[in-house]
Structure formats: C-alpha cells, structure tokens
Amino acid sequence: MRIVSLLPSATEIVYALGLGDQLVGVTHECDWPAEAASKRVVSHTNLPSGADPAEIDRLVSASMSDGDPTYSLDRDAVRDLQPDLVITQDLCAVCAVPAGDVRAALDVLGCGADVVSLDPSSLDDVLDGIVRVAQITGTEQRATALVDGLRRRLAAVSAAVSGLEQPRTFALEWGDPPFNGGHWVPEMIDKAGGEPVLGRWGTPSVRVTWDEIADARPEVVVFMPCGYDLPAAVAEAQTFLNRPELAGAGAVFAVHANAFFSRPGPRLVDGVEILASALHPDAVAAAPAGALARLR
C-alpha cells in the first residue's frame, strides 16, 4: 500500500503502526519521527515564513473569510506517487488540506486513492483514529497493543493524581490574540490533575480576551502555541509574561506544543504526563528534557 499523509499526527500514527516503509508522501511539517523527513513533501503552507503571531492570525482569519486555503496540495507530486490511501482531516482549516479538497484534486488527477479524514475532538477519538487507520492497513494487532499501552499510561497518571488538589489551569494556545486550548486539551488537563478553565472537553479553541483570562483566575497557565517547539514558545512568552492579567497565576509554563499538544497523535499521552509533572511534581515523574519550561 502506498500512503500519503497530509497531517503530522497521521504520519506519527503511520510510523507507530510499523508502516513507515509504505509512506510515500508527507507535509512540510512532518518531522516526527526523523525518518519522515526523507519522504516526498506533497503539501505546503500558503502563510509567509517569519510572520509574527498577530500577522499569522490576521492572514488566517482573512483566508477563512475568503474561502482561500492556507495549505496547497502539490498535484504533480500526488500524480507521481499514485497513492492508495490519503490521510487528512476536516477538523481545522488552518492545519491541513481539507478532505473535500483532496477528493476533488484526486478526481482531477484520475487517482482512485481512498481518502480518510481523521477529525478527533477527544483522546478517545485520537485512539479510535489509530484503530481506524489500522483496520484500513491490516495492522489491527499492532494497533491493539499500541492503544492498550497508551490507555494504561493514561490510567497510571489518573491514579497518581487521584485525590490531589486540582489547580485551576488555563491552556493558552496562541498569544496574540489569545486563544484558549480546545478540543482534547481541556481533557488532557483534567486527566493530569488540573481543573481546566476557559475551555470545555471537545469544543474548539476560541479567541478570548486578557480580561476574560484574568476573570477566570487561573492558578497555572500553560503556554502551548500551535506550531511551536519549546524554545520558540519560551521566546514568544516573553511578550506577555508580565501582563497584569496573569499576576494572580502562581506558575506559568511553556511546553513543546508541536510534539505533545497540538497534534492529535499518540504523543498526546506524553502531553498528559508532562502536564501532570507540572501540576503535581511530587506525584509524577519529571518531564523529559525539551518538553516543559517553568517561566515563573
């Protein structure tokens, strides 16, 4: 089977299922595992490199209003690769080429590939997506072992933080303008032993104001900007770290969002463990190097 992944999280799933040798095309953002960089890139962002967060937000908002895609598909590459399976999503128009656009492009190219859209809003949805890809690719046995292991790790975190005080925790997914962490992020906070504020399980991220953040009275703020690694998040956090609206927060952290929070793949379970280590350092093992930094 020849597989094209239009999602970094799907690329991670493909490798976790032992299908890396069948993966022939990826996005320019697929950087995990490292072997993904050797695959042909078939989709690119239309956003300019080097834009600051406010400019990115403005361009994305304008793109969505006009119906213009923020990602483009390299049709020549897809024609050359002749995939049997294309994995994409419809969850977020900012994150990848939507499934409908992919199907239309394949029709034009005369390619009969199956298109699978993974659109999770919870951790269970993410795990179900792994199983779904496994069913299509004949790797059900490997998926069962993988998902069972991920569920055991989630259960271990829940047991470790059970009965402990739950600090009011705000996930800041974007800094300028501020957005809350949505979809699976509030659930991750809950499972890590925190009380999520300004976010509910399974609901999208939305723009919030700094006054709303102050009114929510978070005890912990976790900065997890979509598309950022840890050094970039730490650098960006300096632009708002001393805002008076955050004065009541006892702790402010930055995390490697790309690896452990933004992408709905197996490493979200690592993200729960990382959050638990920040919220309950006496009950949970420390986060691995490069995953978490305490800023205040």
C-alpha atoms as a PDB file:
ATOM      1  CA  MET A   1       0.000   0.000   0.000  1.00  0.00           C
ATOM      2  CA  ARG A   2       1.216   3.492  -0.865  1.00  0.00           C
ATOM      3  CA  ILE A   3       0.225   6.044   1.789  1.00  0.00           C
ATOM      4  CA  VAL A   4       0.227   9.840   1.683  1.00  0.00           C
ATOM      5  CA  SER A   5      -0.181  11.692   4.977  1.00  0.00           C
ATOM      6  CA  LEU A   6      -1.376  15.289   4.981  1.00  0.00           C
ATOM      7  CA  LEU A   7      -1.166  15.539   8.774  1.00  0.00           C
ATOM      8  CA  PRO A   8       1.887  15.372  11.047  1.00  0.00           C
ATOM      9  CA  SER A   9      -0.223  13.411  13.545  1.00  0.00           C
ATOM     10  CA  ALA A  10      -1.223  10.904  10.850  1.00  0.00           C
ATOM     11  CA  THR A  11       2.432  10.498   9.923  1.00  0.00           C
ATOM     12  CA  GLU A  12       3.167   9.627  13.553  1.00  0.00           C
ATOM     13  CA  ILE A  13       0.317   7.104  13.541  1.00  0.00           C
ATOM     14  CA  VAL A  14       1.572   5.503  10.331  1.00  0.00           C
ATOM     15  CA  TYR A  15       5.031   5.012  11.817  1.00  0.00           C
ATOM     16  CA  ALA A  16       3.630   3.797  15.139  1.00  0.00           C
ATOM     17  CA  LEU A  17       1.783   1.087  13.211  1.00  0.00           C
ATOM     18  CA  GLY A  18       5.010  -0.015  11.527  1.00  0.00           C
ATOM     19  CA  LEU A  19       4.021   1.340   8.111  1.00  0.00           C
ATOM     20  CA  GLY A  20       6.866   3.764   7.547  1.00  0.00           C
ATOM     21  CA  ASP A  21       8.100   1.852   4.508  1.00  0.00           C
ATOM     22  CA  GLN A  22       4.665   2.300   2.882  1.00  0.00           C
ATOM     23  CA  LEU A  23       4.546   6.057   3.498  1.00  0.00           C
ATOM     24  CA  VAL A  24       5.449   7.859   0.270  1.00  0.00           C
ATOM     25  CA  GLY A  25       4.270  11.447   0.825  1.00  0.00           C
ATOM     26  CA  VAL A  26       4.067  13.860   3.759  1.00  0.00           C
ATOM     27  CA  THR A  27       3.606  17.551   4.583  1.00  0.00           C
ATOM     28  CA  HIS A  28       6.400  20.075   5.056  1.00  0.00           C
ATOM     29  CA  GLU A  29       5.637  19.932   8.815  1.00  0.00           C
ATOM     30  CA  CYS A  30       6.041  16.171   9.247  1.00  0.00           C
ATOM     31  CA  ASP A  31       9.144  15.998  11.434  1.00  0.00           C
ATOM     32  CA  TRP A  32       8.459  13.014  13.704  1.00  0.00           C
ATOM     33  CA  PRO A  33       9.898  10.504  13.611  1.00  0.00           C
ATOM     34  CA  ALA A  34      13.024  11.845  11.933  1.00  0.00           C
ATOM     35  CA  GLU A  35      12.688   9.371   9.051  1.00  0.00           C
ATOM     36  CA  ALA A  36       9.626  11.282   7.853  1.00  0.00           C
ATOM     37  CA  ALA A  37      11.936  13.993   6.524  1.00  0.00           C
ATOM     38  CA  SER A  38      13.122  11.568   3.840  1.00  0.00           C
ATOM     39  CA  LYS A  39       9.654  11.325   2.274  1.00  0.00           C
ATOM     40  CA  ARG A  40       8.443  13.486  -0.590  1.00  0.00           C
ATOM     41  CA  VAL A  41       6.613  16.630   0.507  1.00  0.00           C
ATOM     42  CA  VAL A  42       3.201  16.941  -1.122  1.00  0.00           C
ATOM     43  CA  SER A  43       1.597  19.869   0.702  1.00  0.00           C
ATOM     44  CA  HIS A  44       2.824  23.304   1.736  1.00  0.00           C
ATOM     45  CA  THR A  45       1.526  26.215   3.780  1.00  0.00           C
ATOM     46  CA  ASN A  46       0.491  29.383   1.991  1.00  0.00           C
ATOM     47  CA  LEU A  47       1.392  31.520   5.011  1.00  0.00           C
ATOM     48  CA  PRO A  48       4.616  33.536   4.790  1.00  0.00           C
ATOM     49  CA  SER A  49       7.589  32.384   6.831  1.00  0.00           C
ATOM     50  CA  GLY A  50       8.736  34.692   9.597  1.00  0.00           C
ATOM     51  CA  ALA A  51       5.323  36.288  10.238  1.00  0.00           C
ATOM     52  CA  ASP A  52       4.632  37.222  13.856  1.00  0.00           C
ATOM     53  CA  PRO A  53       1.641  35.745  15.751  1.00  0.00           C
ATOM     54  CA  ALA A  54      -0.623  38.749  15.171  1.00  0.00           C
ATOM     55  CA  GLU A  55       0.111  38.723  11.436  1.00  0.00           C
ATOM     56  CA  ILE A  56      -0.485  34.966  11.222  1.00  0.00           C
ATOM     57  CA  ASP A  57      -3.847  35.402  12.959  1.00  0.00           C
ATOM     58  CA  ARG A  58      -4.798  38.212  10.578  1.00  0.00           C
ATOM     59  CA  LEU A  59      -3.842  36.201   7.490  1.00  0.00           C
ATOM     60  CA  VAL A  60      -5.594  33.051   8.693  1.00  0.00           C
ATOM     61  CA  SER A  61      -8.766  34.988   9.563  1.00  0.00           C
ATOM     62  CA  ALA A  62      -8.769  36.646   6.140  1.00  0.00           C
ATOM     63  CA  SER A  63      -8.132  33.333   4.409  1.00  0.00           C
ATOM     64  CA  MET A  64     -11.015  31.646   6.196  1.00  0.00           C
ATOM     65  CA  SER A  65     -13.355  34.560   5.449  1.00  0.00           C
ATOM     66  CA  ASP A  66     -12.469  34.485   1.756  1.00  0.00           C
ATOM     67  CA  GLY A  67     -12.574  30.712   1.486  1.00  0.00           C
ATOM     68  CA  ASP A  68      -8.938  30.560   0.419  1.00  0.00           C
ATOM     69  CA  PRO A  69      -6.945  27.560   1.661  1.00  0.00           C
ATOM     70  CA  THR A  70      -3.971  28.052   3.967  1.00  0.00           C
ATOM     71  CA  TYR A  71      -2.424  24.847   2.564  1.00  0.00           C
ATOM     72  CA  SER A  72      -1.856  23.800  -1.027  1.00  0.00           C
ATOM     73  CA  LEU A  73      -1.551  20.315  -2.467  1.00  0.00           C
ATOM     74  CA  ASP A  74       1.274  19.529  -4.886  1.00  0.00           C
ATOM     75  CA  ARG A  75      -0.807  17.782  -7.511  1.00  0.00           C
ATOM     76  CA  ASP A  76       2.224  16.830  -9.600  1.00  0.00           C
ATOM     77  CA  ALA A  77       3.723  15.056  -6.603  1.00  0.00           C
ATOM     78  CA  VAL A  78       0.491  13.216  -5.892  1.00  0.00           C
ATOM     79  CA  ARG A  79       0.224  12.197  -9.555  1.00  0.00           C
ATOM     80  CA  ASP A  80       3.772  10.838  -9.454  1.00  0.00           C
ATOM     81  CA  LEU A  81       3.267   8.955  -6.192  1.00  0.00           C
ATOM     82  CA  GLN A  82      -0.093   7.370  -7.120  1.00  0.00           C
ATOM     83  CA  PRO A  83      -1.163   6.695  -3.513  1.00  0.00           C
ATOM     84  CA  ASP A  84      -3.655   4.056  -2.481  1.00  0.00           C
ATOM     85  CA  LEU A  85      -4.533   5.870   0.744  1.00  0.00           C
ATOM     86  CA  VAL A  86      -4.512   9.589   1.637  1.00  0.00           C
ATOM     87  CA  ILE A  87      -4.972  10.579   5.280  1.00  0.00           C
ATOM     88  CA  THR A  88      -6.147  14.134   6.009  1.00  0.00           C
ATOM     89  CA  GLN A  89      -8.721  15.996   8.136  1.00  0.00           C
ATOM     90  CA  ASP A  90     -11.633  18.434   8.144  1.00  0.00           C
ATOM     91  CA  LEU A  91     -11.284  19.465  11.798  1.00  0.00           C
ATOM     92  CA  CYS A  92      -9.240  22.626  11.265  1.00  0.00           C
ATOM     93  CA  ALA A  93      -8.964  24.552   8.008  1.00  0.00           C
ATOM     94  CA  VAL A  94      -5.662  26.014   9.248  1.00  0.00           C
ATOM     95  CA  CYS A  95      -3.983  22.662   9.855  1.00  0.00           C
ATOM     96  CA  ALA A  96      -4.094  20.734   6.569  1.00  0.00           C
ATOM     97  CA  VAL A  97      -5.712  20.362   3.171  1.00  0.00           C
ATOM     98  CA  PRO A  98      -9.395  19.502   3.872  1.00  0.00           C
ATOM     99  CA  ALA A  99     -10.654  16.094   2.803  1.00  0.00           C
ATOM    100  CA  GLY A 100     -13.096  17.569   0.283  1.00  0.00           C
ATOM    101  CA  ASP A 101     -10.314  19.450  -1.474  1.00  0.00           C
ATOM    102  CA  VAL A 102      -8.209  16.290  -1.576  1.00  0.00           C
ATOM    103  CA  ARG A 103     -11.012  14.239  -3.122  1.00  0.00           C
ATOM    104  CA  ALA A 104     -11.607  16.908  -5.753  1.00  0.00           C
ATOM    105  CA  ALA A 105      -7.910  17.010  -6.612  1.00  0.00           C
ATOM    106  CA  LEU A 106      -7.709  13.220  -6.877  1.00  0.00           C
ATOM    107  CA  ASP A 107     -10.699  13.203  -9.214  1.00  0.00           C
ATOM    108  CA  VAL A 108      -8.950  15.700 -11.476  1.00  0.00           C
ATOM    109  CA  LEU A 109      -5.782  13.591 -11.393  1.00  0.00           C
ATOM    110  CA  GLY A 110      -7.664  10.379 -12.084  1.00  0.00           C
ATOM    111  CA  CYS A 111      -6.323   8.862  -8.866  1.00  0.00           C
ATOM    112  CA  GLY A 112      -8.583   6.373  -7.122  1.00  0.00           C
ATOM    113  CA  ALA A 113      -6.979   6.579  -3.682  1.00  0.00           C
ATOM    114  CA  ASP A 114      -9.138   6.176  -0.599  1.00  0.00           C
ATOM    115  CA  VAL A 115      -9.304   9.391   1.440  1.00  0.00           C
ATOM    116  CA  VAL A 116      -9.585   9.020   5.214  1.00  0.00           C
ATOM    117  CA  SER A 117     -10.389  12.067   7.341  1.00  0.00           C
ATOM    118  CA  LEU A 118      -9.279  11.970  10.985  1.00  0.00           C
ATOM    119  CA  ASP A 119     -11.199  14.582  12.981  1.00  0.00           C
ATOM    120  CA  PRO A 120     -10.755  13.916  16.714  1.00  0.00           C
ATOM    121  CA  SER A 121     -12.076  16.122  19.489  1.00  0.00           C
ATOM    122  CA  SER A 122     -11.098  13.907  22.440  1.00  0.00           C
ATOM    123  CA  LEU A 123      -8.396  11.481  23.492  1.00  0.00           C
ATOM    124  CA  ASP A 124     -10.727   8.564  22.792  1.00  0.00           C
ATOM    125  CA  ASP A 125     -11.249   9.930  19.283  1.00  0.00           C
ATOM    126  CA  VAL A 126      -7.484  10.034  18.789  1.00  0.00           C
ATOM    127  CA  LEU A 127      -7.108   6.419  19.894  1.00  0.00           C
ATOM    128  CA  ASP A 128     -10.065   5.394  17.728  1.00  0.00           C
ATOM    129  CA  GLY A 129      -8.315   7.086  14.787  1.00  0.00           C
ATOM    130  CA  ILE A 130      -5.296   4.847  15.307  1.00  0.00           C
ATOM    131  CA  VAL A 131      -7.563   1.816  15.187  1.00  0.00           C
ATOM    132  CA  ARG A 132      -9.307   3.133  12.078  1.00  0.00           C
ATOM    133  CA  VAL A 133      -6.032   3.513  10.181  1.00  0.00           C
ATOM    134  CA  ALA A 134      -5.024   0.045  11.367  1.00  0.00           C
ATOM    135  CA  GLN A 135      -8.236  -1.501  10.042  1.00  0.00           C
ATOM    136  CA  ILE A 136      -7.632   0.009   6.612  1.00  0.00           C
ATOM    137  CA  THR A 137      -3.984  -1.055   6.522  1.00  0.00           C
ATOM    138  CA  GLY A 138      -4.312  -4.516   8.066  1.00  0.00           C
ATOM    139  CA  THR A 139      -2.348  -3.697  11.219  1.00  0.00           C
ATOM    140  CA  GLU A 140      -5.077  -4.287  13.806  1.00  0.00           C
ATOM    141  CA  GLN A 141      -2.901  -6.441  16.065  1.00  0.00           C
ATOM    142  CA  ARG A 142      -0.228  -3.783  16.315  1.00  0.00           C
ATOM    143  CA  ALA A 143      -2.860  -1.095  16.944  1.00  0.00           C
ATOM    144  CA  THR A 144      -4.401  -3.109  19.781  1.00  0.00           C
ATOM    145  CA  ALA A 145      -1.049  -3.349  21.559  1.00  0.00           C
ATOM    146  CA  LEU A 146      -0.317   0.334  20.942  1.00  0.00           C
ATOM    147  CA  VAL A 147      -3.693   1.632  22.118  1.00  0.00           C
ATOM    148  CA  ASP A 148      -3.772  -0.674  25.149  1.00  0.00           C
ATOM    149  CA  GLY A 149      -0.374   0.656  26.182  1.00  0.00           C
ATOM    150  CA  LEU A 150      -1.488   4.267  25.770  1.00  0.00           C
ATOM    151  CA  ARG A 151      -4.611   3.636  27.836  1.00  0.00           C
ATOM    152  CA  ARG A 152      -2.537   2.035  30.607  1.00  0.00           C
ATOM    153  CA  ARG A 153      -0.323   5.112  30.738  1.00  0.00           C
ATOM    154  CA  LEU A 154      -3.357   7.410  30.991  1.00  0.00           C
ATOM    155  CA  ALA A 155      -4.760   5.267  33.782  1.00  0.00           C
ATOM    156  CA  ALA A 156      -1.425   5.427  35.628  1.00  0.00           C
ATOM    157  CA  VAL A 157      -1.448   9.236  35.522  1.00  0.00           C
ATOM    158  CA  SER A 158      -5.045   9.340  36.770  1.00  0.00           C
ATOM    159  CA  ALA A 159      -4.142   7.032  39.650  1.00  0.00           C
ATOM    160  CA  ALA A 160      -1.079   9.105  40.571  1.00  0.00           C
ATOM    161  CA  VAL A 161      -3.038  12.391  40.828  1.00  0.00           C
ATOM    162  CA  SER A 162      -6.257  10.946  42.251  1.00  0.00           C
ATOM    163  CA  GLY A 163      -7.410  12.811  45.355  1.00  0.00           C
ATOM    164  CA  LEU A 164      -4.932  15.677  44.936  1.00  0.00           C
ATOM    165  CA  GLU A 165      -5.990  19.298  44.762  1.00  0.00           C
ATOM    166  CA  GLN A 166      -6.786  20.344  41.199  1.00  0.00           C
ATOM    167  CA  PRO A 167      -5.213  23.717  40.370  1.00  0.00           C
ATOM    168  CA  ARG A 168      -7.202  25.982  38.078  1.00  0.00           C
ATOM    169  CA  THR A 169      -5.300  25.630  34.804  1.00  0.00           C
ATOM    170  CA  PHE A 170      -5.534  27.736  31.661  1.00  0.00           C
ATOM    171  CA  ALA A 171      -4.090  26.463  28.385  1.00  0.00           C
ATOM    172  CA  LEU A 172      -3.037  29.405  26.209  1.00  0.00           C
ATOM    173  CA  GLU A 173      -2.890  28.108  22.643  1.00  0.00           C
ATOM    174  CA  TRP A 174      -1.999  31.409  20.992  1.00  0.00           C
ATOM    175  CA  GLY A 175      -0.636  34.622  22.453  1.00  0.00           C
ATOM    176  CA  ASP A 176      -1.556  37.451  20.074  1.00  0.00           C
ATOM    177  CA  PRO A 177      -4.508  37.481  20.124  1.00  0.00           C
ATOM    178  CA  PRO A 178      -5.018  34.987  22.959  1.00  0.00           C
ATOM    179  CA  PHE A 179      -6.835  31.721  22.239  1.00  0.00           C
ATOM    180  CA  ASN A 180      -7.743  29.004  24.708  1.00  0.00           C
ATOM    181  CA  GLY A 181      -6.687  25.409  24.163  1.00  0.00           C
ATOM    182  CA  GLY A 182      -9.663  23.444  22.851  1.00  0.00           C
ATOM    183  CA  HIS A 183     -10.705  20.005  21.612  1.00  0.00           C
ATOM    184  CA  TRP A 184      -8.665  17.432  23.572  1.00  0.00           C
ATOM    185  CA  VAL A 185      -6.641  19.936  25.656  1.00  0.00           C
ATOM    186  CA  PRO A 186      -9.172  20.504  28.488  1.00  0.00           C
ATOM    187  CA  GLU A 187      -9.450  16.728  28.818  1.00  0.00           C
ATOM    188  CA  MET A 188      -5.665  16.453  28.999  1.00  0.00           C
ATOM    189  CA  ILE A 189      -5.632  18.994  31.834  1.00  0.00           C
ATOM    190  CA  ASP A 190      -8.359  17.097  33.664  1.00  0.00           C
ATOM    191  CA  LYS A 191      -6.571  13.769  33.354  1.00  0.00           C
ATOM    192  CA  ALA A 192      -3.332  15.411  34.526  1.00  0.00           C
ATOM    193  CA  GLY A 193      -4.983  16.513  37.755  1.00  0.00           C
ATOM    194  CA  GLY A 194      -5.976  20.079  36.920  1.00  0.00           C
ATOM    195  CA  GLU A 195      -9.230  21.974  36.579  1.00  0.00           C
ATOM    196  CA  PRO A 196      -9.430  23.401  33.045  1.00  0.00           C
ATOM    197  CA  VAL A 197     -10.666  26.988  32.834  1.00  0.00           C
ATOM    198  CA  LEU A 198     -11.944  28.813  29.727  1.00  0.00           C
ATOM    199  CA  GLY A 199     -12.167  25.514  27.893  1.00  0.00           C
ATOM    200  CA  ARG A 200     -14.502  22.518  27.789  1.00  0.00           C
ATOM    201  CA  TRP A 201     -13.944  18.974  26.607  1.00  0.00           C
ATOM    202  CA  GLY A 202     -14.441  18.514  22.884  1.00  0.00           C
ATOM    203  CA  THR A 203     -15.041  22.174  21.964  1.00  0.00           C
ATOM    204  CA  PRO A 204     -12.856  24.122  19.520  1.00  0.00           C
ATOM    205  CA  SER A 205     -10.297  26.717  20.517  1.00  0.00           C
ATOM    206  CA  VAL A 206     -11.740  30.234  20.554  1.00  0.00           C
ATOM    207  CA  ARG A 207     -10.381  33.737  20.864  1.00  0.00           C
ATOM    208  CA  VAL A 208     -10.534  35.125  24.404  1.00  0.00           C
ATOM    209  CA  THR A 209      -9.567  38.439  25.950  1.00  0.00           C
ATOM    210  CA  TRP A 210      -6.938  39.108  28.574  1.00  0.00           C
ATOM    211  CA  ASP A 211      -9.714  40.363  30.852  1.00  0.00           C
ATOM    212  CA  GLU A 212     -11.533  37.038  30.479  1.00  0.00           C
ATOM    213  CA  ILE A 213      -8.327  35.243  31.380  1.00  0.00           C
ATOM    214  CA  ALA A 214      -7.922  37.411  34.489  1.00  0.00           C
ATOM    215  CA  ASP A 215     -11.565  36.842  35.468  1.00  0.00           C
ATOM    216  CA  ALA A 216     -11.063  33.053  35.200  1.00  0.00           C
ATOM    217  CA  ARG A 217      -8.426  33.305  37.967  1.00  0.00           C
ATOM    218  CA  PRO A 218      -6.060  30.596  36.724  1.00  0.00           C
ATOM    219  CA  GLU A 219      -3.543  29.328  39.244  1.00  0.00           C
ATOM    220  CA  VAL A 220      -1.458  27.795  36.461  1.00  0.00           C
ATOM    221  CA  VAL A 221      -1.013  28.999  32.879  1.00  0.00           C
ATOM    222  CA  VAL A 222       0.439  26.643  30.263  1.00  0.00           C
ATOM    223  CA  PHE A 223       1.531  28.289  27.016  1.00  0.00           C
ATOM    224  CA  MET A 224       1.202  25.782  24.162  1.00  0.00           C
ATOM    225  CA  PRO A 225       1.254  27.779  20.905  1.00  0.00           C
ATOM    226  CA  CYS A 226       0.202  25.668  17.943  1.00  0.00           C
ATOM    227  CA  GLY A 227       3.132  25.137  15.585  1.00  0.00           C
ATOM    228  CA  TYR A 228       5.846  25.975  18.137  1.00  0.00           C
ATOM    229  CA  ASP A 229       8.588  23.932  19.745  1.00  0.00           C
ATOM    230  CA  LEU A 230       9.758  24.694  23.293  1.00  0.00           C
ATOM    231  CA  PRO A 231      12.461  27.315  22.548  1.00  0.00           C
ATOM    232  CA  ALA A 232      10.076  29.235  20.268  1.00  0.00           C
ATOM    233  CA  ALA A 233       7.318  29.089  22.897  1.00  0.00           C
ATOM    234  CA  VAL A 234       9.666  30.331  25.622  1.00  0.00           C
ATOM    235  CA  ALA A 235      10.776  33.230  23.419  1.00  0.00           C
ATOM    236  CA  GLU A 236       7.218  34.173  22.443  1.00  0.00           C
ATOM    237  CA  ALA A 237       6.031  34.028  26.063  1.00  0.00           C
ATOM    238  CA  GLN A 238       8.261  36.965  26.945  1.00  0.00           C
ATOM    239  CA  THR A 239       5.850  39.261  25.073  1.00  0.00           C
ATOM    240  CA  PHE A 240       3.031  38.682  27.590  1.00  0.00           C
ATOM    241  CA  LEU A 241       4.629  37.122  30.667  1.00  0.00           C
ATOM    242  CA  ASN A 242       4.401  40.311  32.724  1.00  0.00           C
ATOM    243  CA  ARG A 243       0.869  41.267  31.770  1.00  0.00           C
ATOM    244  CA  PRO A 244      -1.119  42.310  34.867  1.00  0.00           C
ATOM    245  CA  GLU A 245      -3.910  39.874  33.946  1.00  0.00           C
ATOM    246  CA  LEU A 246      -1.546  36.995  34.721  1.00  0.00           C
ATOM    247  CA  ALA A 247      -0.372  38.387  38.051  1.00  0.00           C
ATOM    248  CA  GLY A 248      -2.601  36.010  40.004  1.00  0.00           C
ATOM    249  CA  ALA A 249      -1.169  32.880  38.393  1.00  0.00           C
ATOM    250  CA  GLY A 250       1.243  31.136  40.710  1.00  0.00           C
ATOM    251  CA  ALA A 251       3.021  29.338  37.883  1.00  0.00           C
ATOM    252  CA  VAL A 252       3.457  29.893  34.155  1.00  0.00           C
ATOM    253  CA  PHE A 253       4.873  27.152  31.934  1.00  0.00           C
ATOM    254  CA  ALA A 254       5.738  26.821  28.264  1.00  0.00           C
ATOM    255  CA  VAL A 255       5.651  23.457  26.507  1.00  0.00           C
ATOM    256  CA  HIS A 256       6.715  21.861  23.231  1.00  0.00           C
ATOM    257  CA  ALA A 257       3.257  22.160  21.690  1.00  0.00           C
ATOM    258  CA  ASN A 258       4.055  20.613  18.329  1.00  0.00           C
ATOM    259  CA  ALA A 259       5.286  17.395  19.867  1.00  0.00           C
ATOM    260  CA  PHE A 260       2.876  16.866  22.737  1.00  0.00           C
ATOM    261  CA  PHE A 261      -0.259  19.019  22.494  1.00  0.00           C
ATOM    262  CA  SER A 262      -1.188  20.414  19.066  1.00  0.00           C
ATOM    263  CA  ARG A 263      -1.011  17.227  17.017  1.00  0.00           C
ATOM    264  CA  PRO A 264      -3.674  14.599  17.801  1.00  0.00           C
ATOM    265  CA  GLY A 265      -1.489  11.520  17.697  1.00  0.00           C
ATOM    266  CA  PRO A 266      -0.001   9.012  20.161  1.00  0.00           C
ATOM    267  CA  ARG A 267       2.233  11.621  21.804  1.00  0.00           C
ATOM    268  CA  LEU A 268      -0.759  13.371  23.370  1.00  0.00           C
ATOM    269  CA  VAL A 269      -0.386  10.760  26.098  1.00  0.00           C
ATOM    270  CA  ASP A 270       3.135  12.088  26.684  1.00  0.00           C
ATOM    271  CA  GLY A 271       1.490  15.502  26.914  1.00  0.00           C
ATOM    272  CA  VAL A 272      -0.806  14.343  29.722  1.00  0.00           C
ATOM    273  CA  GLU A 273       2.216  13.003  31.600  1.00  0.00           C
ATOM    274  CA  ILE A 274       4.068  16.296  31.049  1.00  0.00           C
ATOM    275  CA  LEU A 275       1.123  18.336  32.325  1.00  0.00           C
ATOM    276  CA  ALA A 276       0.848  16.101  35.378  1.00  0.00           C
ATOM    277  CA  SER A 277       4.545  16.620  36.114  1.00  0.00           C
ATOM    278  CA  ALA A 278       3.976  20.391  36.049  1.00  0.00           C
ATOM    279  CA  LEU A 279       0.806  20.361  38.145  1.00  0.00           C
ATOM    280  CA  HIS A 280       1.863  17.647  40.611  1.00  0.00           C
ATOM    281  CA  PRO A 281       5.676  17.385  40.594  1.00  0.00           C
ATOM    282  CA  ASP A 282       5.711  15.403  43.848  1.00  0.00           C
ATOM    283  CA  ALA A 283       3.398  12.712  42.464  1.00  0.00           C
ATOM    284  CA  VAL A 284       4.555  12.296  38.853  1.00  0.00           C
ATOM    285  CA  ALA A 285       7.978  11.832  37.271  1.00  0.00           C
ATOM    286  CA  ALA A 286       9.634  14.924  35.812  1.00  0.00           C
ATOM    287  CA  ALA A 287       9.005  15.784  32.180  1.00  0.00           C
ATOM    288  CA  PRO A 288      11.707  14.825  29.668  1.00  0.00           C
ATOM    289  CA  ALA A 289      14.227  17.459  28.604  1.00  0.00           C
ATOM    290  CA  GLY A 290      12.921  19.781  25.916  1.00  0.00           C
ATOM    291  CA  ALA A 291       9.248  19.264  26.789  1.00  0.00           C
ATOM    292  CA  LEU A 292       8.493  21.782  29.542  1.00  0.00           C
ATOM    293  CA  ALA A 293       9.939  25.001  30.960  1.00  0.00           C
ATOM    294  CA  ARG A 294       8.749  26.895  34.007  1.00  0.00           C
ATOM    295  CA  LEU A 295       8.790  30.598  33.222  1.00  0.00           C
ATOM    296  CA  ARG A 296       7.532  31.912  36.537  1.00  0.00           C
END
